[in-house]
Amino acid sequence: MTENKKKIIAVRIDDKTLDYLNDFCKNHNLSKSQLIRRAIEKFIIFYQKGKDLHEYSKRLIFTKQGFKFMLNCMNESQLRKLAELEYNNYIDYFKKYSEVHMPALSAYTNYILSDRGFNFFDNLTTSFQEDYFFFAGIHELGKNFSIYIKFLISLMLKKQSYKLTESKLTENKIILKFQKRDNQ
């Protein structure tokens, strides 16, 4: 028999919150435990403190429509610069994974871009094999968001010697294929 290594935490909530929790779980096909674990993960990711206990996260919350508006005010050069800034911000975050590598990219896509994170994508699929990486997502943030994500993911994969070989960017869809460069 395998021993369960997970710990149990009990909390008290009022009836109204419990009703909302039950309805939300039913509508999203989640158990209460799954929802509570995700909520705690999101809270920790967002409010993670820096090395100094008094240094709070430098993240802000924007609505999807607000973020879309800001991106739509940018040209391609500005989108590239924004991707570089974001990449540099997350380098520190992913230092615990040593360098930016596939587990860090996986963490970024799972805990930042997907519905487990800040929910940028309505549907997100990634596939990593030894010689290629595939990224596809459906969103409602416009073509400039697709361009921004292309720049950002390209930067993340550059250190791993992947080059972008195919991209399809639309108002609500992004498909990226990267191939491992030969090290010869």
N, C-alpha and C. Protein backbone atom coordinates (compact mmCIF):
# COMPACT_ATOMS: atom_id res chain seq x y z
N MET A 1 0.84 -1.18 0.00
CA MET A 1 0.00 0.00 0.00
C MET A 1 0.89 1.25 0.00
N THR A 2 0.62 2.18 -0.89
CA THR A 2 1.40 3.41 -1.00
C THR A 2 0.86 4.44 -0.01
N GLU A 3 1.76 5.05 0.73
CA GLU A 3 1.36 6.07 1.69
C GLU A 3 1.14 7.39 0.97
N ASN A 4 0.01 8.05 1.24
CA ASN A 4 -0.30 9.35 0.64
C ASN A 4 0.56 10.41 1.31
N LYS A 5 1.40 11.09 0.53
CA LYS A 5 2.33 12.09 1.06
C LYS A 5 1.69 13.47 1.18
N LYS A 6 0.48 13.65 0.70
CA LYS A 6 -0.18 14.94 0.77
C LYS A 6 -0.71 15.17 2.18
N LYS A 7 -0.75 16.42 2.57
CA LYS A 7 -1.22 16.82 3.90
C LYS A 7 -2.64 17.36 3.80
N ILE A 8 -3.37 17.25 4.88
CA ILE A 8 -4.74 17.73 4.94
C ILE A 8 -4.76 19.03 5.73
N ILE A 9 -5.48 20.02 5.19
CA ILE A 9 -5.68 21.30 5.86
C ILE A 9 -7.18 21.54 5.94
N ALA A 10 -7.67 21.89 7.10
CA ALA A 10 -9.10 22.16 7.28
C ALA A 10 -9.31 23.67 7.40
N VAL A 11 -10.41 24.14 6.80
CA VAL A 11 -10.76 25.56 6.90
C VAL A 11 -12.25 25.68 7.22
N ARG A 12 -12.62 26.79 7.82
CA ARG A 12 -14.03 27.07 8.10
C ARG A 12 -14.51 28.14 7.11
N ILE A 13 -15.66 27.90 6.50
CA ILE A 13 -16.25 28.89 5.60
C ILE A 13 -17.75 28.99 5.90
N ASP A 14 -18.32 30.13 5.56
CA ASP A 14 -19.74 30.33 5.83
C ASP A 14 -20.58 29.59 4.78
N ASP A 15 -21.87 29.47 5.05
CA ASP A 15 -22.78 28.71 4.18
C ASP A 15 -22.85 29.29 2.77
N LYS A 16 -22.88 30.62 2.68
CA LYS A 16 -22.97 31.26 1.36
C LYS A 16 -21.73 30.94 0.51
N THR A 17 -20.56 31.00 1.12
CA THR A 17 -19.32 30.68 0.41
C THR A 17 -19.31 29.20 0.02
N LEU A 18 -19.77 28.33 0.91
CA LEU A 18 -19.84 26.90 0.60
C LEU A 18 -20.77 26.63 -0.58
N ASP A 19 -21.92 27.31 -0.61
CA ASP A 19 -22.84 27.15 -1.74
C ASP A 19 -22.18 27.59 -3.04
N TYR A 20 -21.49 28.74 -3.00
CA TYR A 20 -20.79 29.23 -4.19
C TYR A 20 -19.71 28.22 -4.61
N LEU A 21 -18.96 27.71 -3.64
CA LEU A 21 -17.92 26.71 -3.92
C LEU A 21 -18.51 25.47 -4.57
N ASN A 22 -19.61 24.97 -4.03
CA ASN A 22 -20.25 23.77 -4.60
C ASN A 22 -20.74 24.03 -6.02
N ASP A 23 -21.38 25.18 -6.25
CA ASP A 23 -21.86 25.51 -7.59
C ASP A 23 -20.70 25.64 -8.58
N PHE A 24 -19.65 26.34 -8.16
CA PHE A 24 -18.50 26.54 -9.04
C PHE A 24 -17.87 25.19 -9.40
N CYS A 25 -17.68 24.33 -8.42
CA CYS A 25 -17.08 23.01 -8.68
C CYS A 25 -17.95 22.18 -9.62
N LYS A 26 -19.25 22.22 -9.41
CA LYS A 26 -20.16 21.48 -10.28
C LYS A 26 -20.10 22.00 -11.71
N ASN A 27 -20.14 23.34 -11.88
CA ASN A 27 -20.12 23.95 -13.21
C ASN A 27 -18.79 23.76 -13.95
N HIS A 28 -17.70 23.57 -13.21
CA HIS A 28 -16.38 23.42 -13.83
C HIS A 28 -15.82 22.01 -13.70
N ASN A 29 -16.66 21.08 -13.27
CA ASN A 29 -16.28 19.67 -13.17
C ASN A 29 -14.99 19.49 -12.35
N LEU A 30 -14.95 20.13 -11.20
CA LEU A 30 -13.81 20.04 -10.30
C LEU A 30 -14.27 19.57 -8.93
N SER A 31 -13.40 18.86 -8.24
CA SER A 31 -13.69 18.55 -6.84
C SER A 31 -13.35 19.79 -6.01
N LYS A 32 -13.87 19.86 -4.80
CA LYS A 32 -13.54 20.99 -3.93
C LYS A 32 -12.04 21.02 -3.65
N SER A 33 -11.45 19.86 -3.48
CA SER A 33 -10.00 19.80 -3.22
C SER A 33 -9.21 20.34 -4.40
N GLN A 34 -9.60 19.96 -5.62
CA GLN A 34 -8.90 20.47 -6.81
C GLN A 34 -8.98 21.99 -6.89
N LEU A 35 -10.18 22.53 -6.68
CA LEU A 35 -10.37 23.98 -6.76
C LEU A 35 -9.55 24.69 -5.67
N ILE A 36 -9.59 24.19 -4.47
CA ILE A 36 -8.86 24.83 -3.37
C ILE A 36 -7.35 24.76 -3.61
N ARG A 37 -6.85 23.63 -4.10
CA ARG A 37 -5.41 23.52 -4.43
C ARG A 37 -5.03 24.54 -5.49
N ARG A 38 -5.83 24.66 -6.55
CA ARG A 38 -5.55 25.63 -7.61
C ARG A 38 -5.59 27.06 -7.08
N ALA A 39 -6.57 27.35 -6.24
CA ALA A 39 -6.67 28.70 -5.68
C ALA A 39 -5.43 29.02 -4.83
N ILE A 40 -4.98 28.08 -4.04
CA ILE A 40 -3.79 28.31 -3.23
C ILE A 40 -2.56 28.48 -4.12
N GLU A 41 -2.42 27.64 -5.16
CA GLU A 41 -1.30 27.79 -6.10
C GLU A 41 -1.30 29.18 -6.74
N LYS A 42 -2.47 29.63 -7.21
CA LYS A 42 -2.55 30.95 -7.84
C LYS A 42 -2.21 32.06 -6.85
N PHE A 43 -2.69 31.93 -5.64
CA PHE A 43 -2.41 32.94 -4.63
C PHE A 43 -0.90 33.02 -4.36
N ILE A 44 -0.27 31.88 -4.20
CA ILE A 44 1.17 31.85 -3.92
C ILE A 44 1.96 32.40 -5.11
N ILE A 45 1.58 32.00 -6.32
CA ILE A 45 2.28 32.50 -7.51
C ILE A 45 2.17 34.01 -7.59
N PHE A 46 0.97 34.54 -7.36
CA PHE A 46 0.77 35.97 -7.50
C PHE A 46 1.44 36.76 -6.39
N TYR A 47 1.34 36.29 -5.17
CA TYR A 47 1.84 37.04 -4.02
C TYR A 47 3.21 36.58 -3.53
N GLN A 48 3.88 35.78 -4.34
CA GLN A 48 5.20 35.29 -3.94
C GLN A 48 6.11 36.46 -3.59
N LYS A 49 6.76 36.37 -2.46
CA LYS A 49 7.66 37.43 -2.03
C LYS A 49 9.06 37.18 -2.56
N GLY A 50 9.82 38.25 -2.64
CA GLY A 50 11.21 38.15 -3.07
C GLY A 50 12.09 37.64 -1.95
N LYS A 51 13.39 37.80 -2.12
CA LYS A 51 14.35 37.34 -1.12
C LYS A 51 14.13 38.05 0.22
N ASP A 52 13.84 39.34 0.17
CA ASP A 52 13.52 40.11 1.36
C ASP A 52 12.04 39.87 1.67
N LEU A 53 11.74 39.48 2.88
CA LEU A 53 10.35 39.15 3.24
C LEU A 53 9.39 40.32 3.06
N HIS A 54 9.91 41.54 2.98
CA HIS A 54 9.05 42.71 2.81
C HIS A 54 8.92 43.11 1.34
N GLU A 55 9.56 42.39 0.46
CA GLU A 55 9.49 42.70 -0.98
C GLU A 55 8.38 41.86 -1.60
N TYR A 56 7.28 42.50 -1.93
CA TYR A 56 6.15 41.79 -2.51
C TYR A 56 6.32 41.63 -4.02
N SER A 57 5.53 40.74 -4.56
CA SER A 57 5.52 40.52 -5.99
C SER A 57 5.31 41.83 -6.73
N LYS A 58 5.96 41.95 -7.87
CA LYS A 58 5.82 43.17 -8.68
C LYS A 58 4.79 42.98 -9.79
N ARG A 59 3.87 42.04 -9.61
CA ARG A 59 2.85 41.78 -10.61
C ARG A 59 1.63 42.66 -10.35
N LEU A 60 0.93 42.95 -11.43
CA LEU A 60 -0.33 43.68 -11.35
C LEU A 60 -1.43 42.83 -11.96
N ILE A 61 -2.64 43.12 -11.61
CA ILE A 61 -3.77 42.42 -12.21
C ILE A 61 -4.42 43.34 -13.24
N PHE A 62 -4.58 42.83 -14.46
CA PHE A 62 -5.30 43.53 -15.52
C PHE A 62 -6.41 42.62 -15.99
N THR A 63 -7.49 43.19 -16.42
CA THR A 63 -8.51 42.38 -17.07
C THR A 63 -7.99 41.97 -18.45
N LYS A 64 -8.57 40.95 -19.00
CA LYS A 64 -8.17 40.53 -20.35
C LYS A 64 -8.39 41.67 -21.34
N GLN A 65 -9.52 42.35 -21.23
CA GLN A 65 -9.81 43.43 -22.17
C GLN A 65 -8.85 44.61 -22.00
N GLY A 66 -8.44 44.89 -20.76
CA GLY A 66 -7.46 45.94 -20.53
C GLY A 66 -6.10 45.59 -21.11
N PHE A 67 -5.69 44.33 -20.92
CA PHE A 67 -4.42 43.88 -21.48
C PHE A 67 -4.46 43.89 -23.01
N LYS A 68 -5.59 43.46 -23.58
CA LYS A 68 -5.76 43.48 -25.03
C LYS A 68 -5.66 44.91 -25.56
N PHE A 69 -6.29 45.85 -24.88
CA PHE A 69 -6.23 47.25 -25.31
C PHE A 69 -4.79 47.74 -25.32
N MET A 70 -4.05 47.45 -24.25
CA MET A 70 -2.64 47.90 -24.18
C MET A 70 -1.81 47.29 -25.31
N LEU A 71 -1.99 45.99 -25.54
CA LEU A 71 -1.24 45.34 -26.62
C LEU A 71 -1.59 45.92 -27.98
N ASN A 72 -2.85 46.24 -28.19
CA ASN A 72 -3.28 46.79 -29.48
C ASN A 72 -2.75 48.20 -29.73
N CYS A 73 -2.26 48.86 -28.70
CA CYS A 73 -1.65 50.19 -28.85
C CYS A 73 -0.16 50.09 -29.21
N MET A 74 0.35 48.88 -29.33
CA MET A 74 1.78 48.68 -29.58
C MET A 74 2.04 48.22 -31.00
N ASN A 75 3.20 48.64 -31.52
CA ASN A 75 3.64 48.10 -32.80
C ASN A 75 4.49 46.86 -32.55
N GLU A 76 4.94 46.21 -33.61
CA GLU A 76 5.67 44.95 -33.46
C GLU A 76 6.98 45.12 -32.69
N SER A 77 7.65 46.22 -32.89
CA SER A 77 8.90 46.48 -32.15
C SER A 77 8.63 46.62 -30.65
N GLN A 78 7.55 47.28 -30.30
CA GLN A 78 7.20 47.44 -28.89
C GLN A 78 6.76 46.11 -28.28
N LEU A 79 6.06 45.28 -29.06
CA LEU A 79 5.67 43.95 -28.57
C LEU A 79 6.91 43.10 -28.30
N ARG A 80 7.91 43.20 -29.17
CA ARG A 80 9.16 42.46 -28.98
C ARG A 80 9.84 42.93 -27.69
N LYS A 81 9.87 44.24 -27.46
CA LYS A 81 10.49 44.80 -26.26
C LYS A 81 9.73 44.35 -25.01
N LEU A 82 8.41 44.34 -25.06
CA LEU A 82 7.61 43.85 -23.94
C LEU A 82 7.92 42.39 -23.64
N ALA A 83 8.04 41.58 -24.68
CA ALA A 83 8.38 40.16 -24.50
C ALA A 83 9.76 40.02 -23.85
N GLU A 84 10.71 40.85 -24.26
CA GLU A 84 12.05 40.81 -23.65
C GLU A 84 11.99 41.19 -22.17
N LEU A 85 11.22 42.22 -21.84
CA LEU A 85 11.06 42.62 -20.44
C LEU A 85 10.44 41.50 -19.62
N GLU A 86 9.39 40.91 -20.13
CA GLU A 86 8.71 39.82 -19.43
C GLU A 86 9.62 38.62 -19.27
N TYR A 87 10.36 38.30 -20.32
CA TYR A 87 11.31 37.19 -20.27
C TYR A 87 12.34 37.44 -19.17
N ASN A 88 12.89 38.62 -19.11
CA ASN A 88 13.89 38.95 -18.08
C ASN A 88 13.29 38.91 -16.68
N ASN A 89 12.04 39.31 -16.53
CA ASN A 89 11.37 39.22 -15.22
C ASN A 89 11.23 37.77 -14.76
N TYR A 90 10.91 36.90 -15.70
CA TYR A 90 10.68 35.51 -15.33
C TYR A 90 11.96 34.69 -15.23
N ILE A 91 13.06 35.20 -15.76
CA ILE A 91 14.34 34.49 -15.60
C ILE A 91 14.63 34.30 -14.11
N ASP A 92 14.47 35.37 -13.33
CA ASP A 92 14.71 35.27 -11.89
C ASP A 92 13.75 34.28 -11.25
N TYR A 93 12.51 34.33 -11.66
CA TYR A 93 11.51 33.42 -11.10
C TYR A 93 11.88 31.96 -11.35
N PHE A 94 12.44 31.69 -12.53
CA PHE A 94 12.76 30.31 -12.89
C PHE A 94 14.19 29.90 -12.54
N LYS A 95 14.93 30.73 -11.81
CA LYS A 95 16.28 30.35 -11.42
C LYS A 95 16.28 29.09 -10.57
N LYS A 96 15.20 28.87 -9.85
CA LYS A 96 15.13 27.65 -9.05
C LYS A 96 15.12 26.40 -9.93
N TYR A 97 14.86 26.58 -11.22
CA TYR A 97 14.93 25.48 -12.17
C TYR A 97 16.28 25.49 -12.89
N SER A 98 17.24 26.19 -12.38
CA SER A 98 18.59 26.48 -12.93
C SER A 98 18.47 27.47 -14.07
N GLU A 99 18.49 27.08 -15.29
CA GLU A 99 18.35 27.98 -16.44
C GLU A 99 16.95 27.78 -17.01
N VAL A 100 16.56 28.65 -17.93
CA VAL A 100 15.27 28.45 -18.59
C VAL A 100 15.42 27.20 -19.45
N HIS A 101 14.69 26.17 -19.12
CA HIS A 101 14.71 24.92 -19.85
C HIS A 101 13.29 24.37 -19.89
N MET A 102 13.12 23.21 -20.39
CA MET A 102 11.77 22.72 -20.63
C MET A 102 10.90 22.64 -19.37
N PRO A 103 11.41 22.16 -18.22
CA PRO A 103 10.53 22.21 -17.05
C PRO A 103 10.09 23.63 -16.69
N ALA A 104 10.98 24.61 -16.85
CA ALA A 104 10.61 25.99 -16.57
C ALA A 104 9.58 26.49 -17.58
N LEU A 105 9.77 26.15 -18.85
CA LEU A 105 8.81 26.54 -19.87
C LEU A 105 7.47 25.87 -19.59
N SER A 106 7.52 24.62 -19.20
CA SER A 106 6.30 23.91 -18.85
C SER A 106 5.61 24.58 -17.67
N ALA A 107 6.38 24.98 -16.66
CA ALA A 107 5.82 25.68 -15.52
C ALA A 107 5.20 27.00 -15.95
N TYR A 108 5.87 27.71 -16.84
CA TYR A 108 5.35 28.99 -17.33
C TYR A 108 4.02 28.79 -18.06
N THR A 109 3.97 27.81 -18.95
CA THR A 109 2.73 27.61 -19.70
C THR A 109 1.62 27.10 -18.79
N ASN A 110 1.96 26.25 -17.83
CA ASN A 110 0.92 25.70 -16.94
C ASN A 110 0.46 26.68 -15.87
N TYR A 111 1.38 27.43 -15.28
CA TYR A 111 1.03 28.25 -14.13
C TYR A 111 0.88 29.73 -14.45
N ILE A 112 1.19 30.13 -15.65
CA ILE A 112 1.01 31.53 -16.02
C ILE A 112 -0.02 31.66 -17.15
N LEU A 113 0.18 30.95 -18.25
CA LEU A 113 -0.65 31.15 -19.43
C LEU A 113 -1.98 30.40 -19.40
N SER A 114 -2.02 29.23 -18.80
CA SER A 114 -3.20 28.37 -18.90
C SER A 114 -4.28 28.75 -17.89
N ASP A 115 -5.36 27.97 -17.88
CA ASP A 115 -6.44 28.20 -16.93
C ASP A 115 -6.01 27.87 -15.50
N ARG A 116 -4.89 27.18 -15.33
CA ARG A 116 -4.35 26.94 -13.99
C ARG A 116 -3.61 28.17 -13.47
N GLY A 117 -3.29 29.08 -14.37
CA GLY A 117 -2.56 30.28 -14.00
C GLY A 117 -3.43 31.51 -14.14
N PHE A 118 -3.00 32.42 -15.01
CA PHE A 118 -3.72 33.68 -15.17
C PHE A 118 -4.72 33.62 -16.32
N ASN A 119 -4.88 32.43 -16.91
CA ASN A 119 -5.99 32.19 -17.83
C ASN A 119 -5.95 33.04 -19.09
N PHE A 120 -4.77 33.22 -19.68
CA PHE A 120 -4.66 33.97 -20.92
C PHE A 120 -5.30 33.21 -22.08
N PHE A 121 -5.25 31.89 -22.03
CA PHE A 121 -5.76 31.07 -23.13
C PHE A 121 -7.03 30.34 -22.71
N ASP A 122 -7.96 30.25 -23.65
CA ASP A 122 -9.16 29.46 -23.42
C ASP A 122 -8.86 27.98 -23.61
N ASN A 123 -7.89 27.70 -24.48
CA ASN A 123 -7.45 26.33 -24.73
C ASN A 123 -5.97 26.41 -25.06
N LEU A 124 -5.16 25.58 -24.43
CA LEU A 124 -3.71 25.61 -24.63
C LEU A 124 -3.18 24.20 -24.72
N THR A 125 -2.38 23.94 -25.76
CA THR A 125 -1.76 22.64 -25.95
C THR A 125 -0.27 22.84 -26.20
N THR A 126 0.54 22.08 -25.48
CA THR A 126 1.98 22.10 -25.72
C THR A 126 2.46 20.67 -25.81
N SER A 127 3.51 20.49 -26.59
CA SER A 127 4.13 19.17 -26.71
C SER A 127 5.63 19.36 -26.88
N PHE A 128 6.38 18.74 -26.03
CA PHE A 128 7.84 18.82 -26.10
C PHE A 128 8.40 17.45 -26.36
N GLN A 129 9.17 17.34 -27.41
CA GLN A 129 9.92 16.13 -27.71
C GLN A 129 11.39 16.53 -27.75
N GLU A 130 12.26 15.58 -27.87
CA GLU A 130 13.69 15.88 -27.84
C GLU A 130 14.12 16.87 -28.92
N ASP A 131 13.51 16.78 -30.09
CA ASP A 131 13.96 17.62 -31.20
C ASP A 131 12.96 18.69 -31.64
N TYR A 132 11.80 18.78 -30.99
CA TYR A 132 10.86 19.84 -31.36
C TYR A 132 9.98 20.23 -30.19
N PHE A 133 9.39 21.42 -30.31
CA PHE A 133 8.42 21.92 -29.33
C PHE A 133 7.24 22.49 -30.11
N PHE A 134 6.04 22.13 -29.69
CA PHE A 134 4.81 22.57 -30.34
C PHE A 134 3.98 23.34 -29.31
N PHE A 135 3.45 24.48 -29.72
CA PHE A 135 2.65 25.34 -28.85
C PHE A 135 1.45 25.81 -29.64
N ALA A 136 0.25 25.58 -29.13
CA ALA A 136 -0.97 26.03 -29.81
C ALA A 136 -1.98 26.50 -28.77
N GLY A 137 -2.61 27.62 -29.06
CA GLY A 137 -3.59 28.12 -28.12
C GLY A 137 -4.68 28.93 -28.79
N ILE A 138 -5.83 28.94 -28.14
CA ILE A 138 -6.96 29.75 -28.56
C ILE A 138 -7.20 30.78 -27.46
N HIS A 139 -7.37 32.03 -27.86
CA HIS A 139 -7.53 33.11 -26.90
C HIS A 139 -8.47 34.17 -27.48
N GLU A 140 -8.75 35.18 -26.69
CA GLU A 140 -9.62 36.26 -27.16
C GLU A 140 -8.93 37.61 -27.01
N LEU A 141 -7.60 37.61 -27.14
CA LEU A 141 -6.83 38.83 -26.86
C LEU A 141 -6.28 39.52 -28.10
N GLY A 142 -6.62 39.07 -29.28
CA GLY A 142 -6.23 39.76 -30.50
C GLY A 142 -4.89 39.31 -31.08
N LYS A 143 -4.64 39.75 -32.29
CA LYS A 143 -3.43 39.33 -33.01
C LYS A 143 -2.15 39.80 -32.33
N ASN A 144 -2.15 41.00 -31.74
CA ASN A 144 -0.94 41.46 -31.07
C ASN A 144 -0.55 40.57 -29.90
N PHE A 145 -1.53 39.96 -29.24
CA PHE A 145 -1.21 39.00 -28.18
C PHE A 145 -0.52 37.78 -28.79
N SER A 146 -1.01 37.31 -29.93
CA SER A 146 -0.36 36.17 -30.61
C SER A 146 1.09 36.51 -30.96
N ILE A 147 1.31 37.73 -31.46
CA ILE A 147 2.67 38.16 -31.81
C ILE A 147 3.55 38.22 -30.56
N TYR A 148 3.02 38.80 -29.50
CA TYR A 148 3.74 38.92 -28.22
C TYR A 148 4.15 37.53 -27.70
N ILE A 149 3.22 36.59 -27.70
CA ILE A 149 3.52 35.24 -27.21
C ILE A 149 4.56 34.56 -28.10
N LYS A 150 4.48 34.78 -29.41
CA LYS A 150 5.50 34.22 -30.31
C LYS A 150 6.88 34.73 -29.91
N PHE A 151 7.02 36.01 -29.70
CA PHE A 151 8.32 36.57 -29.27
C PHE A 151 8.76 35.99 -27.93
N LEU A 152 7.84 35.91 -26.98
CA LEU A 152 8.18 35.44 -25.63
C LEU A 152 8.62 33.97 -25.62
N ILE A 153 7.86 33.11 -26.26
CA ILE A 153 8.21 31.68 -26.29
C ILE A 153 9.50 31.49 -27.08
N SER A 154 9.70 32.25 -28.14
CA SER A 154 10.95 32.16 -28.91
C SER A 154 12.15 32.50 -28.04
N LEU A 155 12.02 33.54 -27.21
CA LEU A 155 13.12 33.89 -26.30
C LEU A 155 13.39 32.78 -25.30
N MET A 156 12.34 32.18 -24.78
CA MET A 156 12.51 31.11 -23.80
C MET A 156 13.21 29.90 -24.39
N LEU A 157 12.97 29.64 -25.68
CA LEU A 157 13.56 28.46 -26.31
C LEU A 157 14.92 28.71 -26.94
N LYS A 158 15.28 29.96 -27.09
CA LYS A 158 16.55 30.30 -27.75
C LYS A 158 17.75 29.69 -27.02
N LYS A 159 17.77 29.77 -25.69
CA LYS A 159 18.88 29.21 -24.92
C LYS A 159 18.97 27.69 -25.07
N GLN A 160 17.89 27.08 -25.43
CA GLN A 160 17.88 25.63 -25.60
C GLN A 160 18.14 25.22 -27.05
N SER A 161 18.56 26.18 -27.86
CA SER A 161 18.92 25.95 -29.26
C SER A 161 17.74 25.48 -30.11
N TYR A 162 16.58 26.08 -29.86
CA TYR A 162 15.41 25.81 -30.70
C TYR A 162 15.17 27.03 -31.57
N LYS A 163 14.80 26.77 -32.80
CA LYS A 163 14.45 27.88 -33.69
C LYS A 163 13.01 27.71 -34.15
N LEU A 164 12.37 28.83 -34.35
CA LEU A 164 10.98 28.83 -34.81
C LEU A 164 10.98 28.42 -36.28
N THR A 165 10.24 27.37 -36.60
CA THR A 165 10.19 26.89 -37.98
C THR A 165 8.84 27.13 -38.64
N GLU A 166 7.82 27.35 -37.80
CA GLU A 166 6.48 27.57 -38.37
C GLU A 166 5.65 28.35 -37.36
N SER A 167 4.92 29.32 -37.87
CA SER A 167 4.00 30.04 -36.99
C SER A 167 2.75 30.44 -37.76
N LYS A 168 1.64 30.34 -37.07
CA LYS A 168 0.36 30.82 -37.61
C LYS A 168 -0.27 31.66 -36.51
N LEU A 169 -0.43 32.94 -36.79
CA LEU A 169 -0.95 33.88 -35.81
C LEU A 169 -2.21 34.54 -36.35
N THR A 170 -3.27 34.48 -35.57
CA THR A 170 -4.51 35.14 -35.96
C THR A 170 -5.03 35.95 -34.77
N GLU A 171 -6.21 36.52 -34.93
CA GLU A 171 -6.84 37.30 -33.86
C GLU A 171 -7.08 36.47 -32.60
N ASN A 172 -7.33 35.19 -32.78
CA ASN A 172 -7.67 34.38 -31.62
C ASN A 172 -6.95 33.03 -31.55
N LYS A 173 -5.91 32.87 -32.37
CA LYS A 173 -5.22 31.58 -32.39
C LYS A 173 -3.73 31.77 -32.61
N ILE A 174 -2.96 30.90 -31.97
CA ILE A 174 -1.51 30.90 -32.18
C ILE A 174 -1.05 29.45 -32.29
N ILE A 175 -0.26 29.19 -33.32
CA ILE A 175 0.36 27.88 -33.50
C ILE A 175 1.84 28.12 -33.77
N LEU A 176 2.69 27.54 -32.94
CA LEU A 176 4.14 27.68 -33.09
C LEU A 176 4.79 26.32 -33.10
N LYS A 177 5.74 26.15 -34.03
CA LYS A 177 6.53 24.92 -34.06
C LYS A 177 8.00 25.30 -34.04
N PHE A 178 8.73 24.70 -33.14
CA PHE A 178 10.16 24.95 -32.99
C PHE A 178 10.92 23.66 -33.23
N GLN A 179 12.06 23.78 -33.86
CA GLN A 179 12.91 22.63 -34.16
C GLN A 179 14.24 22.84 -33.45
N LYS A 180 14.79 21.77 -32.90
CA LYS A 180 16.10 21.83 -32.26
C LYS A 180 17.14 22.09 -33.34
N ARG A 181 18.02 23.06 -33.09
CA ARG A 181 19.10 23.35 -34.04
C ARG A 181 20.17 22.27 -33.91
N ASP A 182 20.81 21.97 -35.04
CA ASP A 182 21.95 21.06 -34.99
C ASP A 182 23.12 21.79 -34.35
N ASN A 183 23.82 21.13 -33.45
CA ASN A 183 24.95 21.75 -32.78
C ASN A 183 26.25 21.42 -33.48
N GLN A 184 26.21 21.38 -34.76
CA GLN A 184 27.42 21.03 -35.51
C GLN A 184 28.07 22.26 -36.06
